[in-house]
N, C-alpha and C. Protein backbone atom coordinates (compact mmCIF):
# COMPACT_ATOMS: atom_id res chain seq x y z
N UNK A 1 29.58 -2.04 3.23
CA UNK A 1 28.90 -0.82 3.63
C UNK A 1 29.94 0.15 4.19
N UNK A 2 29.71 1.42 3.98
CA UNK A 2 30.66 2.45 4.40
C UNK A 2 30.42 2.93 5.82
N UNK A 3 29.41 2.45 6.48
CA UNK A 3 29.08 2.92 7.83
C UNK A 3 27.66 3.44 7.84
N UNK A 4 27.20 3.81 9.02
CA UNK A 4 25.83 4.27 9.18
C UNK A 4 25.62 5.58 8.44
N UNK A 5 24.54 5.66 7.71
CA UNK A 5 24.17 6.88 7.00
C UNK A 5 22.99 7.54 7.69
N UNK A 6 23.01 8.84 7.74
CA UNK A 6 21.88 9.64 8.21
C UNK A 6 21.02 9.99 7.01
N UNK A 7 19.77 10.35 7.22
CA UNK A 7 18.94 10.74 6.08
C UNK A 7 19.51 11.94 5.33
N UNK A 8 20.24 12.79 6.01
CA UNK A 8 20.85 13.95 5.35
C UNK A 8 21.98 13.54 4.39
N UNK A 9 22.49 12.31 4.53
CA UNK A 9 23.50 11.80 3.60
C UNK A 9 22.87 11.35 2.28
N UNK A 10 21.55 11.27 2.24
CA UNK A 10 20.85 10.72 1.08
C UNK A 10 19.94 11.74 0.41
N UNK A 11 20.15 13.01 0.66
CA UNK A 11 19.32 14.05 0.05
C UNK A 11 19.45 13.99 -1.47
N UNK A 12 18.32 14.19 -2.15
CA UNK A 12 18.33 14.21 -3.60
C UNK A 12 17.23 13.33 -4.18
N UNK A 13 17.33 13.11 -5.49
CA UNK A 13 16.34 12.30 -6.21
C UNK A 13 16.93 10.94 -6.50
N UNK A 14 16.09 9.92 -6.33
CA UNK A 14 16.50 8.53 -6.47
C UNK A 14 15.55 7.78 -7.39
N UNK A 15 16.09 6.85 -8.15
CA UNK A 15 15.28 5.91 -8.91
C UNK A 15 14.83 4.83 -7.93
N UNK A 16 13.54 4.57 -7.86
CA UNK A 16 12.95 3.58 -6.96
C UNK A 16 12.57 2.34 -7.75
N UNK A 17 13.09 1.21 -7.34
CA UNK A 17 12.69 -0.09 -7.89
C UNK A 17 12.35 -0.99 -6.72
N UNK A 18 11.09 -1.42 -6.64
CA UNK A 18 10.62 -2.23 -5.50
C UNK A 18 9.99 -3.52 -6.02
N UNK A 19 10.34 -4.62 -5.37
CA UNK A 19 9.63 -5.86 -5.63
C UNK A 19 8.62 -6.06 -4.51
N UNK A 20 7.49 -6.62 -4.87
CA UNK A 20 6.40 -6.89 -3.93
C UNK A 20 6.06 -8.37 -4.06
N UNK A 21 6.02 -9.06 -2.94
CA UNK A 21 5.61 -10.46 -2.95
C UNK A 21 4.53 -10.64 -1.90
N UNK A 22 3.29 -10.83 -2.36
CA UNK A 22 2.17 -11.13 -1.48
C UNK A 22 2.14 -12.64 -1.35
N UNK A 23 2.67 -13.12 -0.23
CA UNK A 23 2.82 -14.55 -0.07
C UNK A 23 1.49 -15.25 0.20
N UNK A 24 0.50 -14.56 0.74
CA UNK A 24 -0.80 -15.18 0.97
C UNK A 24 -1.54 -15.40 -0.35
N UNK A 25 -1.49 -14.41 -1.23
CA UNK A 25 -2.18 -14.51 -2.53
C UNK A 25 -1.28 -15.12 -3.60
N UNK A 26 -0.03 -15.38 -3.28
CA UNK A 26 0.96 -15.88 -4.22
C UNK A 26 1.05 -14.98 -5.45
N UNK A 27 1.12 -13.66 -5.19
CA UNK A 27 1.28 -12.67 -6.26
C UNK A 27 2.62 -11.98 -6.12
N UNK A 28 3.22 -11.69 -7.25
CA UNK A 28 4.47 -10.93 -7.29
C UNK A 28 4.24 -9.70 -8.15
N UNK A 29 4.91 -8.62 -7.77
CA UNK A 29 4.75 -7.40 -8.53
C UNK A 29 5.95 -6.50 -8.37
N UNK A 30 5.80 -5.30 -8.93
CA UNK A 30 6.86 -4.30 -8.87
C UNK A 30 6.28 -2.92 -8.64
N UNK A 31 7.11 -2.05 -8.11
CA UNK A 31 6.84 -0.62 -8.08
C UNK A 31 8.05 0.03 -8.72
N UNK A 32 7.81 0.89 -9.70
CA UNK A 32 8.88 1.68 -10.30
C UNK A 32 8.50 3.14 -10.19
N UNK A 33 9.49 3.96 -9.87
CA UNK A 33 9.19 5.38 -9.72
C UNK A 33 10.38 6.14 -9.21
N UNK A 34 10.09 7.15 -8.39
CA UNK A 34 11.15 8.00 -7.84
C UNK A 34 10.92 8.21 -6.35
N UNK A 35 12.02 8.45 -5.67
CA UNK A 35 12.01 8.83 -4.27
C UNK A 35 12.82 10.11 -4.16
N UNK A 36 12.30 11.06 -3.40
CA UNK A 36 13.02 12.32 -3.22
C UNK A 36 13.15 12.60 -1.73
N UNK A 37 14.37 12.86 -1.29
CA UNK A 37 14.63 13.26 0.09
C UNK A 37 15.10 14.71 0.07
N UNK A 38 14.35 15.57 0.75
CA UNK A 38 14.65 17.01 0.79
C UNK A 38 14.73 17.48 2.23
N UNK A 39 15.72 18.30 2.54
CA UNK A 39 15.82 18.89 3.86
C UNK A 39 14.74 19.97 4.00
N UNK A 40 13.94 19.84 5.04
CA UNK A 40 12.93 20.85 5.36
C UNK A 40 13.56 21.89 6.28
N UNK A 41 14.33 21.39 7.26
CA UNK A 41 15.11 22.23 8.17
C UNK A 41 16.23 21.34 8.72
N UNK A 42 16.97 21.81 9.70
CA UNK A 42 18.12 21.05 10.21
C UNK A 42 17.71 19.72 10.84
N UNK A 43 16.47 19.58 11.27
CA UNK A 43 16.02 18.39 11.97
C UNK A 43 14.94 17.60 11.26
N UNK A 44 14.63 17.95 10.00
CA UNK A 44 13.55 17.26 9.29
C UNK A 44 13.93 17.04 7.82
N UNK A 45 13.73 15.81 7.36
CA UNK A 45 13.90 15.46 5.95
C UNK A 45 12.56 14.91 5.45
N UNK A 46 12.09 15.47 4.35
CA UNK A 46 10.86 14.99 3.72
C UNK A 46 11.24 13.85 2.76
N UNK A 47 10.55 12.70 2.90
CA UNK A 47 10.79 11.51 2.08
C UNK A 47 9.51 11.29 1.28
N UNK A 48 9.58 11.51 -0.04
CA UNK A 48 8.39 11.40 -0.88
C UNK A 48 8.65 10.40 -2.00
N UNK A 49 7.73 9.45 -2.14
CA UNK A 49 7.81 8.44 -3.20
C UNK A 49 6.61 8.54 -4.12
N UNK A 50 6.85 8.39 -5.40
CA UNK A 50 5.77 8.27 -6.38
C UNK A 50 6.16 7.18 -7.36
N UNK A 51 5.17 6.49 -7.88
CA UNK A 51 5.48 5.45 -8.84
C UNK A 51 4.24 4.74 -9.35
N UNK A 52 4.49 3.64 -10.01
CA UNK A 52 3.44 2.79 -10.55
C UNK A 52 3.66 1.38 -10.03
N UNK A 53 2.60 0.81 -9.45
CA UNK A 53 2.67 -0.57 -8.98
C UNK A 53 1.95 -1.47 -9.97
N UNK A 54 2.62 -2.56 -10.30
CA UNK A 54 2.02 -3.63 -11.10
C UNK A 54 2.00 -4.86 -10.21
N UNK A 55 0.80 -5.34 -9.90
CA UNK A 55 0.64 -6.52 -9.04
C UNK A 55 -0.41 -7.41 -9.68
N UNK A 56 0.03 -8.58 -10.11
CA UNK A 56 -0.87 -9.44 -10.87
C UNK A 56 -1.26 -8.74 -12.16
N UNK A 57 -2.56 -8.66 -12.43
CA UNK A 57 -3.02 -7.98 -13.65
C UNK A 57 -3.47 -6.55 -13.39
N UNK A 58 -3.13 -6.02 -12.23
CA UNK A 58 -3.56 -4.67 -11.86
C UNK A 58 -2.38 -3.70 -11.87
N UNK A 59 -2.60 -2.51 -12.45
CA UNK A 59 -1.62 -1.43 -12.46
C UNK A 59 -2.25 -0.22 -11.79
N UNK A 60 -1.54 0.37 -10.83
CA UNK A 60 -2.10 1.51 -10.11
C UNK A 60 -1.00 2.49 -9.70
N UNK A 61 -1.31 3.79 -9.71
CA UNK A 61 -0.32 4.76 -9.19
C UNK A 61 -0.22 4.63 -7.67
N UNK A 62 0.99 4.83 -7.15
CA UNK A 62 1.22 4.77 -5.70
C UNK A 62 2.07 5.97 -5.29
N UNK A 63 1.92 6.39 -4.05
CA UNK A 63 2.73 7.49 -3.51
C UNK A 63 2.62 7.45 -2.00
N UNK A 64 3.60 8.02 -1.37
CA UNK A 64 3.56 8.23 0.07
C UNK A 64 4.58 9.30 0.43
N UNK A 65 4.30 9.97 1.54
CA UNK A 65 5.20 10.98 2.07
C UNK A 65 5.46 10.65 3.53
N UNK A 66 6.73 10.63 3.88
CA UNK A 66 7.16 10.41 5.26
C UNK A 66 8.00 11.60 5.69
N UNK A 67 8.17 11.75 6.99
CA UNK A 67 9.07 12.76 7.53
C UNK A 67 10.08 12.04 8.40
N UNK A 68 11.35 12.34 8.19
CA UNK A 68 12.40 11.78 9.04
C UNK A 68 12.86 12.93 9.93
N UNK A 69 12.67 12.74 11.24
CA UNK A 69 12.92 13.84 12.18
C UNK A 69 14.00 13.47 13.19
N UNK A 70 14.91 14.38 13.40
CA UNK A 70 15.95 14.18 14.42
C UNK A 70 15.34 14.51 15.77
N UNK A 71 15.51 13.57 16.72
CA UNK A 71 15.02 13.80 18.07
C UNK A 71 13.53 13.57 18.25
N UNK A 72 12.83 13.12 17.21
CA UNK A 72 11.39 12.89 17.34
C UNK A 72 11.15 11.78 18.35
N UNK A 73 10.29 12.02 19.30
CA UNK A 73 9.96 11.03 20.31
C UNK A 73 8.52 10.59 20.12
N UNK A 74 8.30 9.30 20.20
CA UNK A 74 6.93 8.79 20.07
C UNK A 74 6.10 9.29 21.25
N UNK A 75 4.88 9.67 20.95
CA UNK A 75 3.96 10.12 21.98
C UNK A 75 2.88 9.07 22.10
N UNK A 76 2.63 8.56 23.31
CA UNK A 76 1.62 7.53 23.48
C UNK A 76 0.24 8.10 23.21
N UNK A 77 -0.68 7.21 22.90
CA UNK A 77 -2.05 7.63 22.65
C UNK A 77 -2.27 8.08 21.23
N UNK A 78 -1.35 7.78 20.32
CA UNK A 78 -1.56 8.09 18.91
C UNK A 78 -1.31 9.54 18.55
N UNK A 79 -0.76 10.32 19.46
CA UNK A 79 -0.48 11.72 19.15
C UNK A 79 0.70 11.86 18.22
N UNK A 80 1.00 13.08 17.81
CA UNK A 80 2.10 13.28 16.87
C UNK A 80 3.46 13.08 17.53
N UNK A 81 4.43 12.75 16.70
CA UNK A 81 5.81 12.70 17.18
C UNK A 81 6.34 14.12 17.18
N UNK A 82 7.17 14.43 18.15
CA UNK A 82 7.72 15.77 18.25
C UNK A 82 9.24 15.69 18.18
N UNK A 83 9.84 16.67 17.57
CA UNK A 83 11.29 16.65 17.43
C UNK A 83 11.86 18.04 17.59
N UNK A 84 13.15 18.16 17.23
CA UNK A 84 13.79 19.45 17.31
C UNK A 84 14.82 19.48 18.41
N UNK A 85 15.41 20.64 18.65
CA UNK A 85 16.51 20.75 19.59
C UNK A 85 16.12 20.44 21.03
N UNK A 86 14.85 20.55 21.40
CA UNK A 86 14.43 20.27 22.77
C UNK A 86 13.96 18.84 22.96
N UNK A 87 14.04 18.01 21.90
CA UNK A 87 13.62 16.62 21.99
C UNK A 87 14.60 15.84 22.86
N UNK A 88 14.18 14.65 23.35
CA UNK A 88 14.98 13.91 24.32
C UNK A 88 16.32 13.39 23.81
N UNK A 89 16.51 13.21 22.53
CA UNK A 89 17.79 12.71 22.03
C UNK A 89 18.00 13.18 20.60
N UNK A 90 19.14 12.87 20.05
CA UNK A 90 19.45 13.33 18.70
C UNK A 90 19.26 12.28 17.63
N UNK A 91 18.57 11.16 17.95
CA UNK A 91 18.36 10.10 16.97
C UNK A 91 17.32 10.52 15.93
N UNK A 92 17.47 9.97 14.74
CA UNK A 92 16.50 10.20 13.68
C UNK A 92 15.40 9.15 13.78
N UNK A 93 14.17 9.58 13.50
CA UNK A 93 13.02 8.67 13.48
C UNK A 93 12.16 8.99 12.28
N UNK A 94 11.60 7.96 11.69
CA UNK A 94 10.72 8.10 10.53
C UNK A 94 9.29 8.20 11.04
N UNK A 95 8.55 9.19 10.53
CA UNK A 95 7.17 9.42 10.93
C UNK A 95 6.29 9.45 9.68
N UNK A 96 5.05 9.06 9.84
CA UNK A 96 4.08 9.20 8.76
C UNK A 96 3.82 10.69 8.53
N UNK A 97 3.21 11.01 7.40
CA UNK A 97 2.96 12.41 7.05
C UNK A 97 2.12 13.14 8.10
N UNK A 98 1.25 12.40 8.81
CA UNK A 98 0.41 13.03 9.82
C UNK A 98 1.10 13.14 11.18
N UNK A 99 2.38 12.75 11.25
CA UNK A 99 3.14 12.90 12.48
C UNK A 99 3.24 11.65 13.34
N UNK A 100 2.44 10.61 13.05
CA UNK A 100 2.53 9.39 13.85
C UNK A 100 3.90 8.73 13.64
N UNK A 101 4.48 8.18 14.70
CA UNK A 101 5.78 7.52 14.56
C UNK A 101 5.68 6.23 13.75
N UNK A 102 6.68 5.99 12.90
CA UNK A 102 6.74 4.78 12.09
C UNK A 102 7.84 3.87 12.64
N UNK A 103 9.09 4.31 12.58
CA UNK A 103 10.19 3.50 13.09
C UNK A 103 11.43 4.38 13.28
N UNK A 104 12.36 3.88 14.08
CA UNK A 104 13.64 4.56 14.24
C UNK A 104 14.43 4.44 12.93
N UNK A 105 15.25 5.43 12.65
CA UNK A 105 16.18 5.37 11.52
C UNK A 105 17.44 4.71 12.07
N UNK A 106 17.59 3.42 11.82
CA UNK A 106 18.74 2.67 12.28
C UNK A 106 19.35 2.03 11.05
N UNK A 107 20.55 2.43 10.72
CA UNK A 107 21.19 1.97 9.48
C UNK A 107 21.86 0.62 9.71
N UNK A 108 21.48 -0.37 8.88
CA UNK A 108 22.13 -1.67 8.92
C UNK A 108 21.66 -2.60 10.02
N UNK A 109 20.60 -2.26 10.73
CA UNK A 109 20.06 -3.11 11.78
C UNK A 109 18.53 -3.16 11.64
N UNK A 110 17.95 -4.17 12.18
CA UNK A 110 16.51 -4.38 12.07
C UNK A 110 15.73 -3.26 12.75
N UNK A 111 14.67 -2.82 12.09
CA UNK A 111 13.73 -1.86 12.68
C UNK A 111 12.36 -2.53 12.74
N UNK A 112 11.52 -2.04 13.63
CA UNK A 112 10.20 -2.65 13.81
C UNK A 112 9.12 -1.59 13.89
N UNK A 113 7.93 -1.99 13.44
CA UNK A 113 6.74 -1.15 13.57
C UNK A 113 5.57 -2.07 13.87
N UNK A 114 4.97 -1.89 15.03
CA UNK A 114 3.79 -2.68 15.39
C UNK A 114 2.55 -1.89 15.00
N UNK A 115 1.68 -2.52 14.26
CA UNK A 115 0.43 -1.89 13.81
C UNK A 115 -0.66 -2.95 13.97
N UNK A 116 -1.11 -3.10 15.20
CA UNK A 116 -2.03 -4.17 15.57
C UNK A 116 -3.17 -4.31 14.58
N UNK A 117 -3.41 -5.46 14.00
CA UNK A 117 -2.86 -6.76 14.39
C UNK A 117 -1.62 -7.18 13.60
N UNK A 118 -1.00 -6.26 12.89
CA UNK A 118 0.14 -6.59 12.02
C UNK A 118 1.46 -6.17 12.65
N UNK A 119 2.52 -6.82 12.21
CA UNK A 119 3.88 -6.46 12.62
C UNK A 119 4.72 -6.28 11.38
N UNK A 120 5.53 -5.24 11.39
CA UNK A 120 6.43 -4.93 10.29
C UNK A 120 7.86 -4.98 10.81
N UNK A 121 8.73 -5.68 10.10
CA UNK A 121 10.16 -5.65 10.40
C UNK A 121 10.88 -5.20 9.14
N UNK A 122 11.86 -4.33 9.32
CA UNK A 122 12.52 -3.76 8.15
C UNK A 122 14.01 -3.61 8.34
N UNK A 123 14.65 -3.19 7.25
CA UNK A 123 16.09 -2.98 7.25
C UNK A 123 16.43 -1.89 6.24
N UNK A 124 17.14 -0.86 6.70
CA UNK A 124 17.70 0.17 5.81
C UNK A 124 19.20 -0.09 5.75
N UNK A 125 19.75 -0.17 4.53
CA UNK A 125 21.18 -0.48 4.40
C UNK A 125 21.69 0.01 3.06
N UNK A 126 23.00 0.08 2.93
CA UNK A 126 23.61 0.40 1.66
C UNK A 126 24.63 1.51 1.76
N UNK A 127 24.85 2.16 0.62
CA UNK A 127 25.85 3.22 0.49
C UNK A 127 25.18 4.45 -0.09
N UNK A 128 25.89 5.57 -0.16
CA UNK A 128 25.30 6.76 -0.78
C UNK A 128 25.03 6.60 -2.28
N UNK A 129 25.53 5.55 -2.90
CA UNK A 129 25.30 5.31 -4.33
C UNK A 129 24.24 4.25 -4.60
N UNK A 130 23.88 3.45 -3.58
CA UNK A 130 22.86 2.42 -3.75
C UNK A 130 22.43 1.98 -2.36
N UNK A 131 21.16 2.24 -2.04
CA UNK A 131 20.67 1.83 -0.74
C UNK A 131 19.37 1.06 -0.88
N UNK A 132 19.05 0.29 0.16
CA UNK A 132 17.89 -0.57 0.10
C UNK A 132 17.02 -0.38 1.34
N UNK A 133 15.74 -0.63 1.14
CA UNK A 133 14.77 -0.64 2.23
C UNK A 133 13.97 -1.94 2.06
N UNK A 134 14.00 -2.77 3.07
CA UNK A 134 13.29 -4.05 3.00
C UNK A 134 12.30 -4.13 4.16
N UNK A 135 11.10 -4.64 3.85
CA UNK A 135 10.06 -4.81 4.86
C UNK A 135 9.44 -6.19 4.74
N UNK A 136 9.12 -6.78 5.90
CA UNK A 136 8.29 -7.97 5.95
C UNK A 136 7.10 -7.61 6.83
N UNK A 137 5.93 -7.59 6.23
CA UNK A 137 4.69 -7.24 6.93
C UNK A 137 3.89 -8.52 7.14
N UNK A 138 3.62 -8.83 8.42
CA UNK A 138 2.91 -10.06 8.76
C UNK A 138 1.73 -9.74 9.65
N UNK A 139 0.64 -10.46 9.40
CA UNK A 139 -0.55 -10.33 10.22
C UNK A 139 -1.56 -11.37 9.81
N UNK A 140 -2.74 -11.34 10.43
CA UNK A 140 -3.74 -12.36 10.11
C UNK A 140 -4.17 -12.34 8.64
N UNK A 141 -4.13 -11.17 8.00
CA UNK A 141 -4.61 -11.07 6.62
C UNK A 141 -3.50 -10.66 5.65
N UNK A 142 -2.22 -10.72 6.10
CA UNK A 142 -1.15 -10.32 5.18
C UNK A 142 0.14 -11.03 5.50
N UNK A 143 0.90 -11.24 4.45
CA UNK A 143 2.27 -11.73 4.54
C UNK A 143 2.98 -11.18 3.31
N UNK A 144 3.54 -9.98 3.45
CA UNK A 144 4.14 -9.26 2.34
C UNK A 144 5.64 -9.12 2.52
N UNK A 145 6.37 -9.29 1.43
CA UNK A 145 7.79 -8.98 1.39
C UNK A 145 7.96 -7.84 0.40
N UNK A 146 8.56 -6.75 0.85
CA UNK A 146 8.80 -5.57 0.03
C UNK A 146 10.30 -5.29 0.04
N UNK A 147 10.89 -5.18 -1.14
CA UNK A 147 12.32 -4.92 -1.23
C UNK A 147 12.55 -3.78 -2.22
N UNK A 148 13.03 -2.65 -1.70
CA UNK A 148 13.26 -1.46 -2.52
C UNK A 148 14.75 -1.24 -2.71
N UNK A 149 15.12 -0.89 -3.93
CA UNK A 149 16.49 -0.49 -4.24
C UNK A 149 16.43 0.93 -4.77
N UNK A 150 17.31 1.79 -4.26
CA UNK A 150 17.34 3.19 -4.66
C UNK A 150 18.72 3.53 -5.18
N UNK A 151 18.75 4.10 -6.38
CA UNK A 151 20.00 4.54 -7.00
C UNK A 151 19.82 5.99 -7.44
N UNK A 152 20.91 6.75 -7.50
CA UNK A 152 20.79 8.17 -7.82
C UNK A 152 20.15 8.40 -9.19
N UNK A 153 19.30 9.41 -9.26
CA UNK A 153 18.71 9.85 -10.52
C UNK A 153 19.83 10.50 -11.32
N UNK A 154 20.01 10.10 -12.53
CA UNK A 154 21.09 10.64 -13.38
C UNK A 154 20.53 11.54 -14.44
């Protein structure tokens, strides 16, 4: 690895290849599609994924939009995360599209997201030419392993 990357180091379009393993149902699948990271302003990167998931005998379109914000601080009580130059620090944090905090942007180290009754542990790692996002989601009704590989769109 070349060192910690910020979301601004990964701006552009990416080929998304994700494996999905539902360990409770003993199903394996894939997501293929694209991921696009675009600068909204100096402190916000829009992360948008679209693709097709094949899991077992089911095929379905999938998409999600996240915001990666510099200085975004989690607000208790389910309120939105706030960021910008007046935020408490300069760290990047990933937020859901509605502003709820998801996880810190920490390159090469474990990240966590508690979503009662489930727990998510993840890892962002790689280089500007190939990066990965891995998640293990565990809870009473789930045990999922998700492994995404992103390479530049050519």
